[in-house]
Structure formats: C-alpha cells, structure tokens
Amino acid sequence: MLSLAIILQVVEAVGLAKLGAGIGAGIAAIGAGMGIGRIGESAVAAIARQPEAVGDIRSNMIVSAALIEGVAFFAIVVCLLILFV
C-alpha cells in the first residue's frame, strides 16, 4: 500500500513538472520578444539622434538580438526536454 502512495505522488509531480515546463517555455518566448523589441526601440531612437552611426548601431543591434534569441532558444529547448522526457 505504501508503494502505491509513492507512485501516485511521483505521477502528480510529473504532471506539475510538465505544467512548469510549458509555462517556462512561454515565459522564455515572451521575455525574448520583449527584449528584442526594446533593442529595436533603442536602435531606432539612436539612429534618429545620430544618422551617421547607422552602420555601427545596426551591427550592435543584430549581435544583441542574436544573443537574446540564443538564450531564449536554449531555455525553450530545456523546457521541451523536461516536457517530453
């Protein structure tokens, strides 16, 4: 009887882990979208102030956005591994 109670607790924990993984993937995607949006907003404002520096601003914006996407992709992959494993 004791082993049945332990098994039922593990099954409930797996369900909560899957719920947490789904929520975590959503939060990672939303956070990345907000971060890249802020980068774009700041880049447009900087280009409006200094149009001659458009090349430097654009390259820094692309590098920053790529780093944010990499972190978000890693977070989503970890959440999906938790979800399906």
PDB file of N, CA and C in Angstrom:
ATOM      1  N   MET A   1       0.822  -1.191   0.000  1.00  0.00           N
ATOM      2  CA  MET A   1       0.000   0.000   0.000  1.00  0.00           C
ATOM      3  C   MET A   1       0.864   1.252   0.000  1.00  0.00           C
ATOM      4  N   LEU A   2       1.991   1.201   0.706  1.00  0.00           N
ATOM      5  CA  LEU A   2       2.888   2.342   0.777  1.00  0.00           C
ATOM      6  C   LEU A   2       3.501   2.650  -0.586  1.00  0.00           C
ATOM      7  N   SER A   3       3.850   1.602  -1.354  1.00  0.00           N
ATOM      8  CA  SER A   3       4.460   1.825  -2.663  1.00  0.00           C
ATOM      9  C   SER A   3       3.467   2.475  -3.629  1.00  0.00           C
ATOM     10  N   LEU A   4       2.185   2.156  -3.519  1.00  0.00           N
ATOM     11  CA  LEU A   4       1.165   2.775  -4.358  1.00  0.00           C
ATOM     12  C   LEU A   4       1.077   4.272  -4.074  1.00  0.00           C
ATOM     13  N   ALA A   5       1.153   4.641  -2.815  1.00  0.00           N
ATOM     14  CA  ALA A   5       1.106   6.065  -2.453  1.00  0.00           C
ATOM     15  C   ALA A   5       2.320   6.806  -3.016  1.00  0.00           C
ATOM     16  N   ILE A   6       3.484   6.182  -2.979  1.00  0.00           N
ATOM     17  CA  ILE A   6       4.694   6.812  -3.527  1.00  0.00           C
ATOM     18  C   ILE A   6       4.570   6.968  -5.033  1.00  0.00           C
ATOM     19  N   ILE A   7       4.074   5.956  -5.718  1.00  0.00           N
ATOM     20  CA  ILE A   7       3.903   6.024  -7.171  1.00  0.00           C
ATOM     21  C   ILE A   7       2.915   7.130  -7.546  1.00  0.00           C
ATOM     22  N   LEU A   8       1.829   7.254  -6.810  1.00  0.00           N
ATOM     23  CA  LEU A   8       0.858   8.306  -7.101  1.00  0.00           C
ATOM     24  C   LEU A   8       1.452   9.690  -6.896  1.00  0.00           C
ATOM     25  N   GLN A   9       2.313   9.871  -5.902  1.00  0.00           N
ATOM     26  CA  GLN A   9       2.959  11.162  -5.694  1.00  0.00           C
ATOM     27  C   GLN A   9       3.910  11.486  -6.838  1.00  0.00           C
ATOM     28  N   VAL A  10       4.610  10.491  -7.360  1.00  0.00           N
ATOM     29  CA  VAL A  10       5.525  10.713  -8.479  1.00  0.00           C
ATOM     30  C   VAL A  10       4.742  11.098  -9.720  1.00  0.00           C
ATOM     31  N   VAL A  11       3.607  10.451  -9.959  1.00  0.00           N
ATOM     32  CA  VAL A  11       2.785  10.776 -11.126  1.00  0.00           C
ATOM     33  C   VAL A  11       2.277  12.210 -11.028  1.00  0.00           C
ATOM     34  N   GLU A  12       1.874  12.647  -9.856  1.00  0.00           N
ATOM     35  CA  GLU A  12       1.428  14.025  -9.690  1.00  0.00           C
ATOM     36  C   GLU A  12       2.581  14.992  -9.918  1.00  0.00           C
ATOM     37  N   ALA A  13       3.783  14.651  -9.468  1.00  0.00           N
ATOM     38  CA  ALA A  13       4.939  15.519  -9.649  1.00  0.00           C
ATOM     39  C   ALA A  13       5.297  15.651 -11.125  1.00  0.00           C
ATOM     40  N   VAL A  14       5.123  14.570 -11.897  1.00  0.00           N
ATOM     41  CA  VAL A  14       5.415  14.628 -13.329  1.00  0.00           C
ATOM     42  C   VAL A  14       4.440  15.587 -14.011  1.00  0.00           C
ATOM     43  N   GLY A  15       3.195  15.564 -13.613  1.00  0.00           N
ATOM     44  CA  GLY A  15       2.224  16.489 -14.181  1.00  0.00           C
ATOM     45  C   GLY A  15       2.567  17.935 -13.871  1.00  0.00           C
ATOM     46  N   LEU A  16       2.997  18.196 -12.647  1.00  0.00           N
ATOM     47  CA  LEU A  16       3.396  19.559 -12.280  1.00  0.00           C
ATOM     48  C   LEU A  16       4.661  19.975 -13.018  1.00  0.00           C
ATOM     49  N   ALA A  17       5.579  19.037 -13.254  1.00  0.00           N
ATOM     50  CA  ALA A  17       6.799  19.347 -13.996  1.00  0.00           C
ATOM     51  C   ALA A  17       6.461  19.721 -15.431  1.00  0.00           C
ATOM     52  N   LYS A  18       5.516  19.005 -16.030  1.00  0.00           N
ATOM     53  CA  LYS A  18       5.113  19.330 -17.401  1.00  0.00           C
ATOM     54  C   LYS A  18       4.411  20.683 -17.462  1.00  0.00           C
ATOM     55  N   LEU A  19       3.615  20.978 -16.472  1.00  0.00           N
ATOM     56  CA  LEU A  19       2.963  22.282 -16.415  1.00  0.00           C
ATOM     57  C   LEU A  19       4.005  23.390 -16.272  1.00  0.00           C
ATOM     58  N   GLY A  20       4.975  23.184 -15.399  1.00  0.00           N
ATOM     59  CA  GLY A  20       6.042  24.163 -15.220  1.00  0.00           C
ATOM     60  C   GLY A  20       6.888  24.337 -16.469  1.00  0.00           C
ATOM     61  N   ALA A  21       7.131  23.242 -17.188  1.00  0.00           N
ATOM     62  CA  ALA A  21       7.914  23.330 -18.421  1.00  0.00           C
ATOM     63  C   ALA A  21       7.170  24.126 -19.482  1.00  0.00           C
ATOM     64  N   GLY A  22       5.879  23.908 -19.590  1.00  0.00           N
ATOM     65  CA  GLY A  22       5.092  24.675 -20.557  1.00  0.00           C
ATOM     66  C   GLY A  22       5.053  26.152 -20.228  1.00  0.00           C
ATOM     67  N   ILE A  23       4.860  26.459 -18.969  1.00  0.00           N
ATOM     68  CA  ILE A  23       4.846  27.863 -18.543  1.00  0.00           C
ATOM     69  C   ILE A  23       6.227  28.487 -18.739  1.00  0.00           C
ATOM     70  N   GLY A  24       7.282  27.737 -18.426  1.00  0.00           N
ATOM     71  CA  GLY A  24       8.645  28.248 -18.594  1.00  0.00           C
ATOM     72  C   GLY A  24       8.975  28.550 -20.050  1.00  0.00           C
ATOM     73  N   ALA A  25       8.536  27.693 -20.964  1.00  0.00           N
ATOM     74  CA  ALA A  25       8.779  27.937 -22.392  1.00  0.00           C
ATOM     75  C   ALA A  25       8.048  29.187 -22.854  1.00  0.00           C
ATOM     76  N   GLY A  26       6.831  29.362 -22.373  1.00  0.00           N
ATOM     77  CA  GLY A  26       6.079  30.564 -22.737  1.00  0.00           C
ATOM     78  C   GLY A  26       6.719  31.825 -22.203  1.00  0.00           C
ATOM     79  N   ILE A  27       7.180  31.787 -20.962  1.00  0.00           N
ATOM     80  CA  ILE A  27       7.832  32.955 -20.372  1.00  0.00           C
ATOM     81  C   ILE A  27       9.139  33.266 -21.102  1.00  0.00           C
ATOM     82  N   ALA A  28       9.877  32.247 -21.498  1.00  0.00           N
ATOM     83  CA  ALA A  28      11.128  32.473 -22.236  1.00  0.00           C
ATOM     84  C   ALA A  28      10.855  33.143 -23.578  1.00  0.00           C
ATOM     85  N   ALA A  29       9.823  32.702 -24.277  1.00  0.00           N
ATOM     86  CA  ALA A  29       9.493  33.298 -25.572  1.00  0.00           C
ATOM     87  C   ALA A  29       9.012  34.737 -25.411  1.00  0.00           C
ATOM     88  N   ILE A  30       8.176  34.982 -24.411  1.00  0.00           N
ATOM     89  CA  ILE A  30       7.680  36.340 -24.177  1.00  0.00           C
ATOM     90  C   ILE A  30       8.832  37.268 -23.775  1.00  0.00           C
ATOM     91  N   GLY A  31       9.704  36.804 -22.904  1.00  0.00           N
ATOM     92  CA  GLY A  31      10.844  37.616 -22.476  1.00  0.00           C
ATOM     93  C   GLY A  31      11.774  37.952 -23.627  1.00  0.00           C
ATOM     94  N   ALA A  32      12.017  36.987 -24.500  1.00  0.00           N
ATOM     95  CA  ALA A  32      12.876  37.250 -25.657  1.00  0.00           C
ATOM     96  C   ALA A  32      12.228  38.261 -26.596  1.00  0.00           C
ATOM     97  N   GLY A  33      10.942  38.129 -26.818  1.00  0.00           N
ATOM     98  CA  GLY A  33      10.244  39.090 -27.667  1.00  0.00           C
ATOM     99  C   GLY A  33      10.291  40.498 -27.105  1.00  0.00           C
ATOM    100  N   MET A  34      10.092  40.611 -25.808  1.00  0.00           N
ATOM    101  CA  MET A  34      10.155  41.931 -25.177  1.00  0.00           C
ATOM    102  C   MET A  34      11.571  42.511 -25.251  1.00  0.00           C
ATOM    103  N   GLY A  35      12.576  41.672 -25.032  1.00  0.00           N
ATOM    104  CA  GLY A  35      13.959  42.139 -25.086  1.00  0.00           C
ATOM    105  C   GLY A  35      14.355  42.610 -26.475  1.00  0.00           C
ATOM    106  N   ILE A  36      13.993  41.856 -27.488  1.00  0.00           N
ATOM    107  CA  ILE A  36      14.326  42.245 -28.857  1.00  0.00           C
ATOM    108  C   ILE A  36      13.544  43.498 -29.256  1.00  0.00           C
ATOM    109  N   GLY A  37      12.324  43.621 -28.769  1.00  0.00           N
ATOM    110  CA  GLY A  37      11.552  44.845 -29.021  1.00  0.00           C
ATOM    111  C   GLY A  37      12.211  46.076 -28.415  1.00  0.00           C
ATOM    112  N   ARG A  38      12.721  45.916 -27.200  1.00  0.00           N
ATOM    113  CA  ARG A  38      13.424  47.041 -26.555  1.00  0.00           C
ATOM    114  C   ARG A  38      14.699  47.406 -27.316  1.00  0.00           C
ATOM    115  N   ILE A  39      15.393  46.392 -27.827  1.00  0.00           N
ATOM    116  CA  ILE A  39      16.603  46.661 -28.607  1.00  0.00           C
ATOM    117  C   ILE A  39      16.248  47.444 -29.874  1.00  0.00           C
ATOM    118  N   GLY A  40      15.193  47.016 -30.557  1.00  0.00           N
ATOM    119  CA  GLY A  40      14.767  47.727 -31.759  1.00  0.00           C
ATOM    120  C   GLY A  40      14.354  49.160 -31.470  1.00  0.00           C
ATOM    121  N   GLU A  41      13.621  49.340 -30.381  1.00  0.00           N
ATOM    122  CA  GLU A  41      13.191  50.684 -29.984  1.00  0.00           C
ATOM    123  C   GLU A  41      14.394  51.585 -29.713  1.00  0.00           C
ATOM    124  N   SER A  42      15.355  51.082 -28.972  1.00  0.00           N
ATOM    125  CA  SER A  42      16.541  51.869 -28.654  1.00  0.00           C
ATOM    126  C   SER A  42      17.383  52.154 -29.893  1.00  0.00           C
ATOM    127  N   ALA A  43      17.452  51.185 -30.792  1.00  0.00           N
ATOM    128  CA  ALA A  43      18.236  51.389 -32.016  1.00  0.00           C
ATOM    129  C   ALA A  43      17.606  52.461 -32.898  1.00  0.00           C
ATOM    130  N   VAL A  44      16.297  52.443 -33.034  1.00  0.00           N
ATOM    131  CA  VAL A  44      15.627  53.462 -33.843  1.00  0.00           C
ATOM    132  C   VAL A  44      15.823  54.849 -33.232  1.00  0.00           C
ATOM    133  N   ALA A  45      15.731  54.942 -31.910  1.00  0.00           N
ATOM    134  CA  ALA A  45      15.945  56.230 -31.248  1.00  0.00           C
ATOM    135  C   ALA A  45      17.394  56.694 -31.430  1.00  0.00           C
ATOM    136  N   ALA A  46      18.346  55.779 -31.348  1.00  0.00           N
ATOM    137  CA  ALA A  46      19.750  56.150 -31.521  1.00  0.00           C
ATOM    138  C   ALA A  46      20.038  56.575 -32.955  1.00  0.00           C
ATOM    139  N   ILE A  47      19.432  55.900 -33.914  1.00  0.00           N
ATOM    140  CA  ILE A  47      19.623  56.274 -35.324  1.00  0.00           C
ATOM    141  C   ILE A  47      18.998  57.638 -35.600  1.00  0.00           C
ATOM    142  N   ALA A  48      17.875  57.927 -34.957  1.00  0.00           N
ATOM    143  CA  ALA A  48      17.244  59.235 -35.134  1.00  0.00           C
ATOM    144  C   ALA A  48      18.135  60.347 -34.569  1.00  0.00           C
ATOM    145  N   ARG A  49      18.847  60.062 -33.490  1.00  0.00           N
ATOM    146  CA  ARG A  49      19.738  61.081 -32.906  1.00  0.00           C
ATOM    147  C   ARG A  49      21.021  61.240 -33.702  1.00  0.00           C
ATOM    148  N   GLN A  50      21.575  60.117 -34.205  1.00  0.00           N
ATOM    149  CA  GLN A  50      22.839  60.152 -34.932  1.00  0.00           C
ATOM    150  C   GLN A  50      22.735  59.317 -36.207  1.00  0.00           C
ATOM    151  N   PRO A  51      22.206  59.885 -37.272  1.00  0.00           N
ATOM    152  CA  PRO A  51      22.029  59.102 -38.508  1.00  0.00           C
ATOM    153  C   PRO A  51      23.343  58.622 -39.124  1.00  0.00           C
ATOM    154  N   GLU A  52      24.439  59.305 -38.831  1.00  0.00           N
ATOM    155  CA  GLU A  52      25.717  58.890 -39.430  1.00  0.00           C
ATOM    156  C   GLU A  52      26.277  57.614 -38.803  1.00  0.00           C
ATOM    157  N   ALA A  53      25.758  57.202 -37.664  1.00  0.00           N
ATOM    158  CA  ALA A  53      26.249  55.993 -36.984  1.00  0.00           C
ATOM    159  C   ALA A  53      25.338  54.789 -37.223  1.00  0.00           C
ATOM    160  N   VAL A  54      24.591  54.819 -38.314  1.00  0.00           N
ATOM    161  CA  VAL A  54      23.600  53.766 -38.544  1.00  0.00           C
ATOM    162  C   VAL A  54      24.251  52.388 -38.687  1.00  0.00           C
ATOM    163  N   GLY A  55      25.421  52.308 -39.310  1.00  0.00           N
ATOM    164  CA  GLY A  55      26.076  51.004 -39.501  1.00  0.00           C
ATOM    165  C   GLY A  55      26.500  50.365 -38.187  1.00  0.00           C
ATOM    166  N   ASP A  56      27.103  51.155 -37.321  1.00  0.00           N
ATOM    167  CA  ASP A  56      27.534  50.632 -36.020  1.00  0.00           C
ATOM    168  C   ASP A  56      26.340  50.232 -35.157  1.00  0.00           C
ATOM    169  N   ILE A  57      25.316  51.066 -35.165  1.00  0.00           N
ATOM    170  CA  ILE A  57      24.126  50.779 -34.345  1.00  0.00           C
ATOM    171  C   ILE A  57      23.447  49.513 -34.833  1.00  0.00           C
ATOM    172  N   ARG A  58      23.327  49.377 -36.144  1.00  0.00           N
ATOM    173  CA  ARG A  58      22.661  48.197 -36.708  1.00  0.00           C
ATOM    174  C   ARG A  58      23.437  46.921 -36.377  1.00  0.00           C
ATOM    175  N   SER A  59      24.749  46.955 -36.508  1.00  0.00           N
ATOM    176  CA  SER A  59      25.527  45.742 -36.232  1.00  0.00           C
ATOM    177  C   SER A  59      25.449  45.366 -34.750  1.00  0.00           C
ATOM    178  N   ASN A  60      25.507  46.359 -33.867  1.00  0.00           N
ATOM    179  CA  ASN A  60      25.366  46.063 -32.436  1.00  0.00           C
ATOM    180  C   ASN A  60      23.975  45.541 -32.113  1.00  0.00           C
ATOM    181  N   MET A  61      22.957  46.063 -32.798  1.00  0.00           N
ATOM    182  CA  MET A  61      21.591  45.602 -32.571  1.00  0.00           C
ATOM    183  C   MET A  61      21.439  44.135 -32.996  1.00  0.00           C
ATOM    184  N   ILE A  62      22.018  43.781 -34.127  1.00  0.00           N
ATOM    185  CA  ILE A  62      21.907  42.411 -34.620  1.00  0.00           C
ATOM    186  C   ILE A  62      22.621  41.432 -33.690  1.00  0.00           C
ATOM    187  N   VAL A  63      23.797  41.810 -33.207  1.00  0.00           N
ATOM    188  CA  VAL A  63      24.533  40.940 -32.281  1.00  0.00           C
ATOM    189  C   VAL A  63      23.756  40.759 -30.984  1.00  0.00           C
ATOM    190  N   SER A  64      23.209  41.836 -30.449  1.00  0.00           N
ATOM    191  CA  SER A  64      22.438  41.752 -29.202  1.00  0.00           C
ATOM    192  C   SER A  64      21.189  40.889 -29.386  1.00  0.00           C
ATOM    193  N   ALA A  65      20.487  41.090 -30.485  1.00  0.00           N
ATOM    194  CA  ALA A  65      19.284  40.298 -30.742  1.00  0.00           C
ATOM    195  C   ALA A  65      19.627  38.822 -30.907  1.00  0.00           C
ATOM    196  N   ALA A  66      20.742  38.515 -31.551  1.00  0.00           N
ATOM    197  CA  ALA A  66      21.149  37.117 -31.722  1.00  0.00           C
ATOM    198  C   ALA A  66      21.477  36.467 -30.380  1.00  0.00           C
ATOM    199  N   LEU A  67      22.129  37.208 -29.494  1.00  0.00           N
ATOM    200  CA  LEU A  67      22.432  36.657 -28.172  1.00  0.00           C
ATOM    201  C   LEU A  67      21.157  36.399 -27.372  1.00  0.00           C
ATOM    202  N   ILE A  68      20.205  37.302 -27.459  1.00  0.00           N
ATOM    203  CA  ILE A  68      18.941  37.101 -26.751  1.00  0.00           C
ATOM    204  C   ILE A  68      18.196  35.903 -27.323  1.00  0.00           C
ATOM    205  N   GLU A  69      18.169  35.776 -28.639  1.00  0.00           N
ATOM    206  CA  GLU A  69      17.490  34.632 -29.248  1.00  0.00           C
ATOM    207  C   GLU A  69      18.163  33.318 -28.864  1.00  0.00           C
ATOM    208  N   GLY A  70      19.485  33.328 -28.762  1.00  0.00           N
ATOM    209  CA  GLY A  70      20.195  32.116 -28.363  1.00  0.00           C
ATOM    210  C   GLY A  70      19.830  31.673 -26.960  1.00  0.00           C
ATOM    211  N   VAL A  71      19.772  32.618 -26.046  1.00  0.00           N
ATOM    212  CA  VAL A  71      19.401  32.287 -24.667  1.00  0.00           C
ATOM    213  C   VAL A  71      17.953  31.805 -24.612  1.00  0.00           C
ATOM    214  N   ALA A  72      17.066  32.468 -25.345  1.00  0.00           N
ATOM    215  CA  ALA A  72      15.657  32.063 -25.349  1.00  0.00           C
ATOM    216  C   ALA A  72      15.494  30.671 -25.965  1.00  0.00           C
ATOM    217  N   PHE A  73      16.219  30.410 -27.038  1.00  0.00           N
ATOM    218  CA  PHE A  73      16.145  29.091 -27.670  1.00  0.00           C
ATOM    219  C   PHE A  73      16.639  28.004 -26.715  1.00  0.00           C
ATOM    220  N   PHE A  74      17.717  28.283 -26.003  1.00  0.00           N
ATOM    221  CA  PHE A  74      18.238  27.329 -25.024  1.00  0.00           C
ATOM    222  C   PHE A  74      17.204  27.067 -23.932  1.00  0.00           C
ATOM    223  N   ALA A  75      16.547  28.120 -23.433  1.00  0.00           N
ATOM    224  CA  ALA A  75      15.539  27.956 -22.385  1.00  0.00           C
ATOM    225  C   ALA A  75      14.357  27.129 -22.894  1.00  0.00           C
ATOM    226  N   ILE A  76      13.937  27.372 -24.111  1.00  0.00           N
ATOM    227  CA  ILE A  76      12.803  26.628 -24.670  1.00  0.00           C
ATOM    228  C   ILE A  76      13.178  25.161 -24.884  1.00  0.00           C
ATOM    229  N   VAL A  77      14.392  24.897 -25.334  1.00  0.00           N
ATOM    230  CA  VAL A  77      14.833  23.506 -25.528  1.00  0.00           C
ATOM    231  C   VAL A  77      14.863  22.767 -24.182  1.00  0.00           C
ATOM    232  N   VAL A  78      15.372  23.418 -23.147  1.00  0.00           N
ATOM    233  CA  VAL A  78      15.398  22.792 -21.829  1.00  0.00           C
ATOM    234  C   VAL A  78      13.970  22.502 -21.361  1.00  0.00           C
ATOM    235  N   CYS A  79      13.060  23.441 -21.550  1.00  0.00           N
ATOM    236  CA  CYS A  79      11.670  23.215 -21.148  1.00  0.00           C
ATOM    237  C   CYS A  79      11.039  22.073 -21.946  1.00  0.00           C
ATOM    238  N   LEU A  80      11.333  21.993 -23.247  1.00  0.00           N
ATOM    239  CA  LEU A  80      10.780  20.910 -24.049  1.00  0.00           C
ATOM    240  C   LEU A  80      11.370  19.559 -23.647  1.00  0.00           C
ATOM    241  N   LEU A  81      12.641  19.541 -23.264  1.00  0.00           N
ATOM    242  CA  LEU A  81      13.235  18.286 -22.778  1.00  0.00           C
ATOM    243  C   LEU A  81      12.545  17.832 -21.500  1.00  0.00           C
ATOM    244  N   ILE A  82      12.257  18.757 -20.618  1.00  0.00           N
ATOM    245  CA  ILE A  82      11.527  18.412 -19.393  1.00  0.00           C
ATOM    246  C   ILE A  82      10.128  17.917 -19.746  1.00  0.00           C
ATOM    247  N   LEU A  83       9.526  18.548 -20.742  1.00  0.00           N
ATOM    248  CA  LEU A  83       8.152  18.206 -21.115  1.00  0.00           C
ATOM    249  C   LEU A  83       8.056  16.807 -21.715  1.00  0.00           C
ATOM    250  N   PHE A  84       8.989  16.424 -22.554  1.00  0.00           N
ATOM    251  CA  PHE A  84       8.878  15.159 -23.279  1.00  0.00           C
ATOM    252  C   PHE A  84       9.743  14.033 -22.732  1.00  0.00           C
ATOM    253  N   VAL A  85      10.564  14.301 -21.749  1.00  0.00           N
ATOM    254  CA  VAL A  85      11.417  13.237 -21.206  1.00  0.00           C
ATOM    255  C   VAL A  85      10.953  12.847 -19.829  1.00  0.00           C
TER     256      VAL A  85
END
